[in-house]
Amino acid sequence: MHIEIFDRFALEYDQWFIENSFAYLSETEAIRRFIPDSGLGVEIGAGTGRFSIPFGIKIGIEPSAEMARLAQSRGLSIARAVAEELPFADNTIDFVLMVTTICFLNDLPAAFKEIHRVLKSGGRVIIGFIDRESPLGKKYAAVKDSSRFYKGANFYSASQVMHFLSKAGFSDFQICQTIFNDPKKMVSCDLVQEGHGKGGVVVLLGIK
């Protein structure tokens, strides 16, 4: 169902980043803390390419045809696949980025195992997600059933995500947070702070 929604409303989804530009830029700055200076990167759940482009990521995984079309128009090479079945050989990728993707996955543990499989030793997984324990996360969770995009989504806490990553073989976690205000009311970028629990968006780094 999620794929159908993103196919139907891909342009509306993409417009969010323009209308909520301070939230988008705040999230981008949080992610930037953990992106390596070099290496082959892949974004899983690349959407329309809004998070691949700032970091020079050229390869994306995206199951939605319309979202993939928009990403391709921005210069990305998109494979129509899902996180649980990645079309890459073992130990070939330097880092994987996922932003607001894990809440839509059918099998989060399977996805993390797949990411661990394709990453090189010492490779990074960088995950941006809505922290369900934050004030903004609680607000989103309360109204998700009336949301076009988040209906049926599963929001996770930072500790839950680290638990699943640990079981998949990741360690050496680092974490930061941002977006402490309602994205629609932001008039400037929010700071990026260490830790989690207050910022609506958390970015988590794990090492293979």
N, C-alpha and C. Protein backbone atom coordinates (compact mmCIF):
# COMPACT_ATOMS: atom_id res chain seq x y z
N MET A 1 0.82 -1.20 0.00
CA MET A 1 0.00 0.00 0.00
C MET A 1 0.85 1.26 0.00
N HIS A 2 1.95 1.24 0.70
CA HIS A 2 2.80 2.41 0.75
C HIS A 2 3.32 2.78 -0.62
N ILE A 3 3.70 1.78 -1.42
CA ILE A 3 4.23 2.06 -2.75
C ILE A 3 3.18 2.75 -3.60
N GLU A 4 1.95 2.27 -3.53
CA GLU A 4 0.86 2.87 -4.31
C GLU A 4 0.67 4.34 -3.94
N ILE A 5 0.71 4.63 -2.64
CA ILE A 5 0.53 6.01 -2.19
C ILE A 5 1.66 6.90 -2.72
N PHE A 6 2.88 6.42 -2.66
CA PHE A 6 4.01 7.21 -3.13
C PHE A 6 4.00 7.35 -4.65
N ASP A 7 3.48 6.36 -5.36
CA ASP A 7 3.32 6.50 -6.80
C ASP A 7 2.30 7.59 -7.13
N ARG A 8 1.21 7.61 -6.41
CA ARG A 8 0.12 8.55 -6.70
C ARG A 8 0.46 9.98 -6.31
N PHE A 9 1.23 10.13 -5.24
CA PHE A 9 1.45 11.47 -4.70
C PHE A 9 2.94 11.83 -4.63
N ALA A 10 3.72 11.35 -5.59
CA ALA A 10 5.16 11.61 -5.59
C ALA A 10 5.47 13.10 -5.65
N LEU A 11 4.75 13.84 -6.47
CA LEU A 11 5.00 15.28 -6.60
C LEU A 11 4.64 16.01 -5.31
N GLU A 12 3.56 15.61 -4.67
CA GLU A 12 3.18 16.22 -3.40
C GLU A 12 4.24 15.94 -2.33
N TYR A 13 4.73 14.70 -2.30
CA TYR A 13 5.80 14.35 -1.37
C TYR A 13 7.02 15.23 -1.60
N ASP A 14 7.41 15.39 -2.86
CA ASP A 14 8.60 16.17 -3.19
C ASP A 14 8.42 17.64 -2.82
N GLN A 15 7.21 18.14 -2.96
CA GLN A 15 6.93 19.54 -2.65
C GLN A 15 7.14 19.84 -1.17
N TRP A 16 6.99 18.82 -0.31
CA TRP A 16 7.16 19.02 1.13
C TRP A 16 8.53 19.62 1.43
N PHE A 17 9.55 19.21 0.71
CA PHE A 17 10.91 19.67 0.99
C PHE A 17 11.10 21.14 0.63
N ILE A 18 10.30 21.63 -0.28
CA ILE A 18 10.32 23.05 -0.63
C ILE A 18 9.55 23.85 0.41
N GLU A 19 8.38 23.36 0.77
CA GLU A 19 7.52 24.09 1.72
C GLU A 19 8.06 24.04 3.14
N ASN A 20 8.88 23.04 3.46
CA ASN A 20 9.46 22.89 4.81
C ASN A 20 10.99 22.87 4.70
N SER A 21 11.50 23.87 4.03
CA SER A 21 12.93 23.87 3.68
C SER A 21 13.84 23.92 4.90
N PHE A 22 13.43 24.59 5.98
CA PHE A 22 14.30 24.67 7.16
C PHE A 22 14.41 23.30 7.84
N ALA A 23 13.32 22.55 7.86
CA ALA A 23 13.36 21.20 8.42
C ALA A 23 14.26 20.31 7.55
N TYR A 24 14.10 20.42 6.25
CA TYR A 24 14.91 19.65 5.31
C TYR A 24 16.40 19.96 5.48
N LEU A 25 16.74 21.23 5.56
CA LEU A 25 18.15 21.61 5.71
C LEU A 25 18.69 21.19 7.07
N SER A 26 17.87 21.25 8.11
CA SER A 26 18.31 20.80 9.43
C SER A 26 18.63 19.31 9.41
N GLU A 27 17.77 18.54 8.79
CA GLU A 27 17.99 17.10 8.70
C GLU A 27 19.24 16.78 7.88
N THR A 28 19.42 17.52 6.80
CA THR A 28 20.60 17.32 5.96
C THR A 28 21.88 17.57 6.74
N GLU A 29 21.88 18.62 7.57
CA GLU A 29 23.08 18.92 8.36
C GLU A 29 23.36 17.84 9.39
N ALA A 30 22.32 17.26 9.97
CA ALA A 30 22.52 16.16 10.91
C ALA A 30 23.12 14.94 10.22
N ILE A 31 22.62 14.62 9.05
CA ILE A 31 23.15 13.49 8.28
C ILE A 31 24.60 13.72 7.90
N ARG A 32 24.92 14.96 7.55
CA ARG A 32 26.27 15.30 7.09
C ARG A 32 27.34 14.92 8.10
N ARG A 33 26.99 14.91 9.37
CA ARG A 33 27.97 14.56 10.41
C ARG A 33 28.57 13.17 10.21
N PHE A 34 27.82 12.28 9.59
CA PHE A 34 28.24 10.87 9.53
C PHE A 34 28.56 10.38 8.12
N ILE A 35 28.40 11.24 7.11
CA ILE A 35 28.71 10.84 5.74
C ILE A 35 30.23 10.85 5.56
N PRO A 36 30.82 9.75 5.08
CA PRO A 36 32.27 9.74 4.88
C PRO A 36 32.69 10.65 3.72
N ASP A 37 33.97 11.01 3.72
CA ASP A 37 34.49 11.91 2.69
C ASP A 37 34.61 11.25 1.33
N SER A 38 34.67 9.93 1.31
CA SER A 38 34.84 9.23 0.04
C SER A 38 34.20 7.85 0.14
N GLY A 39 34.18 7.13 -0.98
CA GLY A 39 33.64 5.78 -0.99
C GLY A 39 32.33 5.68 -1.75
N LEU A 40 31.96 4.45 -2.06
CA LEU A 40 30.73 4.18 -2.80
C LEU A 40 29.55 4.14 -1.85
N GLY A 41 28.61 5.07 -2.04
CA GLY A 41 27.44 5.14 -1.19
C GLY A 41 26.17 4.81 -1.94
N VAL A 42 25.20 4.26 -1.22
CA VAL A 42 23.89 3.92 -1.76
C VAL A 42 22.84 4.45 -0.80
N GLU A 43 21.78 5.06 -1.35
CA GLU A 43 20.64 5.42 -0.50
C GLU A 43 19.52 4.43 -0.72
N ILE A 44 19.05 3.83 0.36
CA ILE A 44 17.94 2.89 0.32
C ILE A 44 16.67 3.64 0.70
N GLY A 45 15.67 3.56 -0.17
CA GLY A 45 14.49 4.40 -0.01
C GLY A 45 14.82 5.81 -0.46
N ALA A 46 15.41 5.89 -1.66
CA ALA A 46 15.95 7.16 -2.14
C ALA A 46 14.87 8.20 -2.43
N GLY A 47 13.63 7.75 -2.57
CA GLY A 47 12.56 8.70 -2.83
C GLY A 47 12.80 9.48 -4.11
N THR A 48 12.71 10.81 -4.01
CA THR A 48 12.91 11.67 -5.18
C THR A 48 14.34 12.19 -5.27
N GLY A 49 15.21 11.68 -4.40
CA GLY A 49 16.63 12.03 -4.47
C GLY A 49 17.04 13.20 -3.61
N ARG A 50 16.13 13.69 -2.78
CA ARG A 50 16.42 14.88 -2.00
C ARG A 50 17.58 14.72 -1.02
N PHE A 51 17.85 13.50 -0.55
CA PHE A 51 18.95 13.31 0.39
C PHE A 51 20.19 12.72 -0.27
N SER A 52 20.06 12.11 -1.41
CA SER A 52 21.23 11.61 -2.13
C SER A 52 22.05 12.77 -2.69
N ILE A 53 21.36 13.73 -3.30
CA ILE A 53 22.04 14.80 -4.05
C ILE A 53 23.01 15.61 -3.20
N PRO A 54 22.65 16.05 -1.97
CA PRO A 54 23.60 16.88 -1.21
C PRO A 54 24.91 16.17 -0.87
N PHE A 55 24.90 14.84 -0.91
CA PHE A 55 26.09 14.09 -0.51
C PHE A 55 26.77 13.38 -1.68
N GLY A 56 26.34 13.69 -2.88
CA GLY A 56 26.98 13.11 -4.05
C GLY A 56 26.71 11.63 -4.24
N ILE A 57 25.66 11.11 -3.62
CA ILE A 57 25.30 9.70 -3.80
C ILE A 57 24.61 9.54 -5.14
N LYS A 58 25.10 8.61 -5.95
CA LYS A 58 24.60 8.44 -7.31
C LYS A 58 23.72 7.21 -7.50
N ILE A 59 23.68 6.32 -6.51
CA ILE A 59 22.94 5.06 -6.64
C ILE A 59 21.86 5.00 -5.56
N GLY A 60 20.66 4.65 -5.98
CA GLY A 60 19.57 4.56 -5.02
C GLY A 60 18.72 3.32 -5.23
N ILE A 61 18.07 2.90 -4.15
CA ILE A 61 17.07 1.83 -4.18
C ILE A 61 15.73 2.48 -3.89
N GLU A 62 14.75 2.24 -4.76
CA GLU A 62 13.44 2.85 -4.58
C GLU A 62 12.37 2.01 -5.27
N PRO A 63 11.41 1.47 -4.51
CA PRO A 63 10.38 0.62 -5.11
C PRO A 63 9.28 1.37 -5.85
N SER A 64 9.08 2.65 -5.54
CA SER A 64 8.03 3.42 -6.19
C SER A 64 8.48 3.91 -7.57
N ALA A 65 7.72 3.59 -8.59
CA ALA A 65 8.09 3.97 -9.96
C ALA A 65 8.12 5.48 -10.15
N GLU A 66 7.14 6.18 -9.59
CA GLU A 66 7.07 7.63 -9.77
C GLU A 66 8.15 8.35 -8.99
N MET A 67 8.42 7.88 -7.79
CA MET A 67 9.51 8.47 -7.01
C MET A 67 10.84 8.22 -7.72
N ALA A 68 11.01 7.01 -8.23
CA ALA A 68 12.24 6.68 -8.95
C ALA A 68 12.40 7.56 -10.18
N ARG A 69 11.30 7.83 -10.87
CA ARG A 69 11.37 8.66 -12.08
C ARG A 69 11.88 10.06 -11.74
N LEU A 70 11.38 10.63 -10.65
CA LEU A 70 11.84 11.95 -10.24
C LEU A 70 13.32 11.94 -9.83
N ALA A 71 13.72 10.89 -9.12
CA ALA A 71 15.13 10.77 -8.72
C ALA A 71 16.03 10.63 -9.94
N GLN A 72 15.59 9.85 -10.91
CA GLN A 72 16.39 9.67 -12.13
C GLN A 72 16.51 10.98 -12.91
N SER A 73 15.47 11.79 -12.87
CA SER A 73 15.52 13.09 -13.56
C SER A 73 16.53 14.02 -12.92
N ARG A 74 16.93 13.70 -11.69
CA ARG A 74 17.95 14.49 -10.98
C ARG A 74 19.33 13.85 -11.05
N GLY A 75 19.45 12.83 -11.87
CA GLY A 75 20.77 12.27 -12.14
C GLY A 75 21.13 11.02 -11.36
N LEU A 76 20.18 10.47 -10.59
CA LEU A 76 20.47 9.25 -9.84
C LEU A 76 20.24 8.01 -10.69
N SER A 77 21.01 6.99 -10.40
CA SER A 77 20.79 5.66 -10.98
C SER A 77 19.98 4.87 -9.96
N ILE A 78 18.75 4.51 -10.34
CA ILE A 78 17.82 3.90 -9.39
C ILE A 78 17.55 2.44 -9.76
N ALA A 79 17.66 1.57 -8.77
CA ALA A 79 17.24 0.18 -8.91
C ALA A 79 15.90 0.01 -8.21
N ARG A 80 14.94 -0.54 -8.92
CA ARG A 80 13.61 -0.79 -8.35
C ARG A 80 13.70 -2.06 -7.51
N ALA A 81 13.89 -1.90 -6.23
CA ALA A 81 14.06 -3.03 -5.32
C ALA A 81 13.63 -2.60 -3.93
N VAL A 82 13.71 -3.52 -2.98
CA VAL A 82 13.36 -3.22 -1.59
C VAL A 82 14.55 -3.49 -0.69
N ALA A 83 14.52 -2.91 0.50
CA ALA A 83 15.65 -3.01 1.43
C ALA A 83 15.93 -4.43 1.87
N GLU A 84 14.89 -5.27 1.88
CA GLU A 84 15.06 -6.65 2.34
C GLU A 84 15.73 -7.55 1.30
N GLU A 85 15.83 -7.07 0.06
CA GLU A 85 16.46 -7.85 -1.01
C GLU A 85 17.26 -6.90 -1.90
N LEU A 86 18.47 -6.60 -1.49
CA LEU A 86 19.29 -5.63 -2.20
C LEU A 86 20.03 -6.27 -3.38
N PRO A 87 20.08 -5.58 -4.52
CA PRO A 87 20.71 -6.14 -5.72
C PRO A 87 22.21 -5.86 -5.80
N PHE A 88 22.91 -6.11 -4.70
CA PHE A 88 24.35 -5.88 -4.64
C PHE A 88 25.06 -7.13 -4.12
N ALA A 89 26.30 -7.31 -4.56
CA ALA A 89 27.11 -8.43 -4.08
C ALA A 89 27.59 -8.17 -2.65
N ASP A 90 28.02 -9.21 -1.98
CA ASP A 90 28.55 -9.10 -0.63
C ASP A 90 29.76 -8.17 -0.58
N ASN A 91 29.85 -7.38 0.48
CA ASN A 91 31.07 -6.61 0.79
C ASN A 91 31.50 -5.69 -0.35
N THR A 92 30.54 -4.94 -0.91
CA THR A 92 30.87 -4.09 -2.07
C THR A 92 30.57 -2.61 -1.85
N ILE A 93 29.85 -2.25 -0.80
CA ILE A 93 29.40 -0.87 -0.59
C ILE A 93 30.11 -0.28 0.62
N ASP A 94 30.51 1.00 0.50
CA ASP A 94 31.21 1.66 1.61
C ASP A 94 30.26 2.25 2.65
N PHE A 95 29.14 2.80 2.20
CA PHE A 95 28.17 3.31 3.17
C PHE A 95 26.77 3.28 2.58
N VAL A 96 25.81 3.11 3.47
CA VAL A 96 24.39 3.08 3.11
C VAL A 96 23.68 4.17 3.90
N LEU A 97 22.85 4.93 3.20
CA LEU A 97 22.04 5.96 3.82
C LEU A 97 20.56 5.59 3.70
N MET A 98 19.83 5.75 4.80
CA MET A 98 18.37 5.57 4.81
C MET A 98 17.77 6.74 5.57
N VAL A 99 16.83 7.44 4.95
CA VAL A 99 16.21 8.60 5.59
C VAL A 99 14.69 8.45 5.53
N THR A 100 14.05 8.44 6.68
CA THR A 100 12.60 8.28 6.80
C THR A 100 12.14 7.09 5.97
N THR A 101 12.85 5.99 6.09
CA THR A 101 12.56 4.78 5.32
C THR A 101 12.16 3.62 6.23
N ILE A 102 12.82 3.50 7.39
CA ILE A 102 12.61 2.29 8.20
C ILE A 102 11.17 2.16 8.68
N CYS A 103 10.45 3.29 8.81
CA CYS A 103 9.06 3.20 9.29
C CYS A 103 8.14 2.54 8.28
N PHE A 104 8.59 2.42 7.03
CA PHE A 104 7.76 1.83 5.98
C PHE A 104 8.15 0.40 5.62
N LEU A 105 9.19 -0.13 6.22
CA LEU A 105 9.69 -1.45 5.84
C LEU A 105 8.81 -2.56 6.39
N ASN A 106 8.71 -3.63 5.64
CA ASN A 106 7.93 -4.79 6.08
C ASN A 106 8.68 -5.62 7.12
N ASP A 107 10.02 -5.68 6.99
CA ASP A 107 10.83 -6.54 7.86
C ASP A 107 12.14 -5.82 8.17
N LEU A 108 12.14 -5.04 9.23
CA LEU A 108 13.31 -4.24 9.58
C LEU A 108 14.54 -5.10 9.88
N PRO A 109 14.44 -6.17 10.68
CA PRO A 109 15.63 -7.00 10.92
C PRO A 109 16.22 -7.58 9.62
N ALA A 110 15.37 -8.01 8.70
CA ALA A 110 15.86 -8.55 7.43
C ALA A 110 16.58 -7.48 6.62
N ALA A 111 16.06 -6.26 6.64
CA ALA A 111 16.70 -5.16 5.92
C ALA A 111 18.09 -4.87 6.49
N PHE A 112 18.20 -4.85 7.81
CA PHE A 112 19.50 -4.58 8.43
C PHE A 112 20.50 -5.70 8.14
N LYS A 113 20.04 -6.93 8.09
CA LYS A 113 20.93 -8.04 7.72
C LYS A 113 21.42 -7.90 6.29
N GLU A 114 20.54 -7.47 5.39
CA GLU A 114 20.93 -7.25 4.00
C GLU A 114 21.96 -6.13 3.88
N ILE A 115 21.74 -5.05 4.62
CA ILE A 115 22.70 -3.94 4.59
C ILE A 115 24.05 -4.41 5.11
N HIS A 116 24.04 -5.18 6.19
CA HIS A 116 25.29 -5.71 6.72
C HIS A 116 25.99 -6.59 5.68
N ARG A 117 25.23 -7.35 4.95
CA ARG A 117 25.80 -8.24 3.92
C ARG A 117 26.53 -7.46 2.83
N VAL A 118 25.93 -6.37 2.35
CA VAL A 118 26.50 -5.67 1.20
C VAL A 118 27.60 -4.69 1.58
N LEU A 119 27.66 -4.28 2.84
CA LEU A 119 28.69 -3.35 3.26
C LEU A 119 30.05 -4.02 3.40
N LYS A 120 31.08 -3.26 3.07
CA LYS A 120 32.45 -3.72 3.33
C LYS A 120 32.72 -3.71 4.83
N SER A 121 33.73 -4.43 5.25
CA SER A 121 34.15 -4.39 6.64
C SER A 121 34.52 -2.95 7.00
N GLY A 122 33.97 -2.44 8.08
CA GLY A 122 34.19 -1.05 8.45
C GLY A 122 33.23 -0.09 7.78
N GLY A 123 32.32 -0.62 6.96
CA GLY A 123 31.35 0.22 6.27
C GLY A 123 30.34 0.82 7.23
N ARG A 124 29.68 1.88 6.77
CA ARG A 124 28.77 2.63 7.62
C ARG A 124 27.32 2.48 7.16
N VAL A 125 26.42 2.37 8.12
CA VAL A 125 25.00 2.55 7.86
C VAL A 125 24.58 3.82 8.60
N ILE A 126 23.91 4.72 7.89
CA ILE A 126 23.49 6.01 8.43
C ILE A 126 21.98 6.08 8.27
N ILE A 127 21.27 6.18 9.38
CA ILE A 127 19.81 6.09 9.35
C ILE A 127 19.21 7.33 9.97
N GLY A 128 18.42 8.04 9.19
CA GLY A 128 17.64 9.16 9.70
C GLY A 128 16.20 8.72 9.87
N PHE A 129 15.62 8.96 11.04
CA PHE A 129 14.25 8.49 11.27
C PHE A 129 13.54 9.35 12.30
N ILE A 130 12.22 9.27 12.28
CA ILE A 130 11.40 9.97 13.27
C ILE A 130 11.48 9.21 14.58
N ASP A 131 11.92 9.89 15.61
CA ASP A 131 12.07 9.27 16.94
C ASP A 131 10.71 9.27 17.63
N ARG A 132 10.16 8.09 17.85
CA ARG A 132 8.81 8.02 18.41
C ARG A 132 8.75 8.49 19.86
N GLU A 133 9.90 8.61 20.53
CA GLU A 133 9.93 9.07 21.91
C GLU A 133 10.04 10.59 22.03
N SER A 134 10.23 11.27 20.91
CA SER A 134 10.34 12.72 20.92
C SER A 134 8.95 13.36 20.89
N PRO A 135 8.82 14.62 21.29
CA PRO A 135 7.52 15.29 21.20
C PRO A 135 6.93 15.27 19.79
N LEU A 136 7.76 15.53 18.78
CA LEU A 136 7.26 15.52 17.41
C LEU A 136 6.88 14.11 16.98
N GLY A 137 7.68 13.12 17.38
CA GLY A 137 7.36 11.74 17.06
C GLY A 137 6.04 11.29 17.66
N LYS A 138 5.78 11.71 18.90
CA LYS A 138 4.51 11.37 19.55
C LYS A 138 3.34 12.05 18.84
N LYS A 139 3.57 13.26 18.37
CA LYS A 139 2.52 13.98 17.62
C LYS A 139 2.22 13.26 16.31
N TYR A 140 3.26 12.87 15.58
CA TYR A 140 3.07 12.14 14.32
C TYR A 140 2.35 10.81 14.56
N ALA A 141 2.76 10.11 15.60
CA ALA A 141 2.15 8.80 15.89
C ALA A 141 0.67 8.94 16.21
N ALA A 142 0.30 10.04 16.88
CA ALA A 142 -1.10 10.24 17.28
C ALA A 142 -2.02 10.49 16.10
N VAL A 143 -1.47 11.04 15.03
CA VAL A 143 -2.32 11.41 13.89
C VAL A 143 -1.99 10.59 12.64
N LYS A 144 -1.16 9.56 12.78
CA LYS A 144 -0.68 8.86 11.58
C LYS A 144 -1.80 8.19 10.79
N ASP A 145 -2.85 7.75 11.47
CA ASP A 145 -3.92 7.06 10.76
C ASP A 145 -4.70 7.98 9.82
N SER A 146 -4.57 9.28 10.04
CA SER A 146 -5.22 10.25 9.15
C SER A 146 -4.24 10.87 8.16
N SER A 147 -2.99 10.39 8.19
CA SER A 147 -1.95 10.91 7.30
C SER A 147 -1.89 10.10 6.01
N ARG A 148 -1.76 10.81 4.90
CA ARG A 148 -1.67 10.13 3.61
C ARG A 148 -0.45 9.23 3.54
N PHE A 149 0.69 9.71 4.02
CA PHE A 149 1.93 8.97 3.87
C PHE A 149 2.25 8.07 5.05
N TYR A 150 1.86 8.46 6.25
CA TYR A 150 2.28 7.71 7.44
C TYR A 150 1.26 6.70 7.94
N LYS A 151 0.10 6.63 7.32
CA LYS A 151 -0.88 5.62 7.73
C LYS A 151 -0.28 4.23 7.55
N GLY A 152 -0.26 3.46 8.64
CA GLY A 152 0.33 2.13 8.59
C GLY A 152 1.82 2.09 8.87
N ALA A 153 2.44 3.26 9.07
CA ALA A 153 3.88 3.31 9.35
C ALA A 153 4.16 2.84 10.77
N ASN A 154 5.37 2.35 10.99
CA ASN A 154 5.82 1.93 12.32
C ASN A 154 6.96 2.84 12.77
N PHE A 155 6.70 3.67 13.77
CA PHE A 155 7.73 4.54 14.29
C PHE A 155 8.53 3.81 15.37
N TYR A 156 9.83 4.06 15.40
CA TYR A 156 10.72 3.36 16.33
C TYR A 156 11.43 4.36 17.24
N SER A 157 11.84 3.88 18.39
CA SER A 157 12.71 4.65 19.28
C SER A 157 14.16 4.40 18.87
N ALA A 158 15.04 5.27 19.32
CA ALA A 158 16.46 5.10 19.02
C ALA A 158 16.99 3.79 19.60
N SER A 159 16.54 3.44 20.81
CA SER A 159 17.02 2.21 21.44
C SER A 159 16.56 0.97 20.66
N GLN A 160 15.36 1.01 20.11
CA GLN A 160 14.88 -0.11 19.30
C GLN A 160 15.72 -0.28 18.04
N VAL A 161 16.01 0.82 17.38
CA VAL A 161 16.80 0.74 16.15
C VAL A 161 18.21 0.22 16.45
N MET A 162 18.82 0.70 17.52
CA MET A 162 20.15 0.20 17.89
C MET A 162 20.10 -1.28 18.24
N HIS A 163 19.03 -1.72 18.87
CA HIS A 163 18.87 -3.13 19.19
C HIS A 163 18.86 -3.99 17.92
N PHE A 164 18.06 -3.59 16.94
CA PHE A 164 17.99 -4.34 15.69
C PHE A 164 19.31 -4.30 14.92
N LEU A 165 19.97 -3.15 14.96
CA LEU A 165 21.27 -3.05 14.29
C LEU A 165 22.31 -3.94 14.97
N SER A 166 22.29 -3.97 16.29
CA SER A 166 23.23 -4.83 17.03
C SER A 166 23.03 -6.30 16.67
N LYS A 167 21.78 -6.72 16.58
CA LYS A 167 21.48 -8.11 16.23
C LYS A 167 21.95 -8.44 14.82
N ALA A 168 21.99 -7.42 13.96
CA ALA A 168 22.45 -7.63 12.58
C ALA A 168 23.96 -7.58 12.45
N GLY A 169 24.65 -7.21 13.53
CA GLY A 169 26.11 -7.22 13.51
C GLY A 169 26.78 -5.86 13.53
N PHE A 170 26.01 -4.79 13.73
CA PHE A 170 26.58 -3.44 13.75
C PHE A 170 26.95 -3.03 15.18
N SER A 171 27.90 -2.09 15.28
CA SER A 171 28.35 -1.62 16.59
C SER A 171 28.88 -0.20 16.45
N ASP A 172 29.52 0.30 17.52
CA ASP A 172 30.15 1.63 17.53
C ASP A 172 29.17 2.73 17.15
N PHE A 173 28.02 2.74 17.77
CA PHE A 173 26.96 3.67 17.39
C PHE A 173 27.28 5.10 17.81
N GLN A 174 26.89 6.02 16.94
CA GLN A 174 26.88 7.45 17.25
C GLN A 174 25.50 7.98 16.88
N ILE A 175 25.04 9.01 17.59
CA ILE A 175 23.68 9.47 17.37
C ILE A 175 23.57 10.97 17.61
N CYS A 176 22.76 11.61 16.77
CA CYS A 176 22.47 13.03 16.96
C CYS A 176 21.01 13.28 16.61
N GLN A 177 20.53 14.48 16.92
CA GLN A 177 19.11 14.80 16.75
C GLN A 177 18.93 16.24 16.30
N THR A 178 17.80 16.49 15.64
CA THR A 178 17.46 17.84 15.21
C THR A 178 15.95 17.92 15.02
N ILE A 179 15.46 19.07 14.61
CA ILE A 179 14.05 19.42 14.43
C ILE A 179 13.33 19.34 15.78
N PHE A 180 13.47 20.43 16.52
CA PHE A 180 12.86 20.55 17.85
C PHE A 180 11.55 21.34 17.81
N ASN A 181 11.18 21.76 16.60
CA ASN A 181 9.97 22.55 16.42
C ASN A 181 9.10 21.92 15.34
N ASP A 182 7.87 22.40 15.23
CA ASP A 182 6.99 21.96 14.17
C ASP A 182 7.59 22.38 12.83
N PRO A 183 7.88 21.43 11.93
CA PRO A 183 8.51 21.80 10.65
C PRO A 183 7.77 22.90 9.90
N LYS A 184 6.46 22.95 10.00
CA LYS A 184 5.67 23.94 9.27
C LYS A 184 5.80 25.35 9.85
N LYS A 185 6.32 25.44 11.08
CA LYS A 185 6.43 26.74 11.74
C LYS A 185 7.87 27.22 11.86
N MET A 186 8.82 26.45 11.33
CA MET A 186 10.23 26.82 11.45
C MET A 186 10.55 28.03 10.58
N VAL A 187 11.29 28.98 11.13
CA VAL A 187 11.71 30.18 10.38
C VAL A 187 13.23 30.22 10.21
N SER A 188 13.90 29.20 10.73
CA SER A 188 15.35 29.05 10.56
C SER A 188 15.68 27.59 10.86
N CYS A 189 16.89 27.20 10.53
CA CYS A 189 17.30 25.82 10.78
C CYS A 189 17.47 25.57 12.29
N ASP A 190 17.12 24.39 12.72
CA ASP A 190 17.37 23.99 14.10
C ASP A 190 18.81 23.49 14.24
N LEU A 191 19.34 23.58 15.44
CA LEU A 191 20.67 23.06 15.72
C LEU A 191 20.68 21.54 15.65
N VAL A 192 21.85 20.99 15.45
CA VAL A 192 22.06 19.55 15.56
C VAL A 192 22.73 19.29 16.90
N GLN A 193 22.11 18.43 17.71
CA GLN A 193 22.62 18.14 19.04
C GLN A 193 22.91 16.65 19.19
N GLU A 194 23.81 16.33 20.09
CA GLU A 194 24.09 14.93 20.40
C GLU A 194 22.89 14.30 21.08
N GLY A 195 22.80 12.98 21.00
CA GLY A 195 21.79 12.25 21.75
C GLY A 195 20.47 12.12 21.02
N HIS A 196 19.43 11.79 21.79
CA HIS A 196 18.11 11.56 21.23
C HIS A 196 17.06 11.78 22.30
N GLY A 197 15.78 11.84 21.88
CA GLY A 197 14.68 11.97 22.82
C GLY A 197 13.97 13.30 22.76
N LYS A 198 14.66 14.33 22.26
CA LYS A 198 14.06 15.67 22.16
C LYS A 198 13.80 16.06 20.71
N GLY A 199 14.75 15.78 19.84
CA GLY A 199 14.60 16.12 18.43
C GLY A 199 13.66 15.15 17.72
N GLY A 200 12.82 15.69 16.85
CA GLY A 200 11.88 14.83 16.13
C GLY A 200 12.55 13.87 15.19
N VAL A 201 13.72 14.28 14.67
CA VAL A 201 14.49 13.41 13.78
C VAL A 201 15.81 13.05 14.43
N VAL A 202 16.10 11.77 14.43
CA VAL A 202 17.37 11.25 14.92
C VAL A 202 18.17 10.72 13.74
N VAL A 203 19.47 10.93 13.77
CA VAL A 203 20.36 10.29 12.79
C VAL A 203 21.33 9.41 13.55
N LEU A 204 21.37 8.16 13.15
CA LEU A 204 22.12 7.12 13.85
C LEU A 204 23.16 6.50 12.92
N LEU A 205 24.37 6.40 13.40
CA LEU A 205 25.47 5.78 12.66
C LEU A 205 25.83 4.45 13.31
N GLY A 206 25.97 3.41 12.49
CA GLY A 206 26.47 2.13 12.94
C GLY A 206 27.57 1.65 12.01
N ILE A 207 28.52 0.90 12.57
CA ILE A 207 29.68 0.42 11.81
C ILE A 207 29.65 -1.11 11.72
N LYS A 208 29.92 -1.63 10.53
CA LYS A 208 30.03 -3.08 10.35
C LYS A 208 31.38 -3.54 10.88
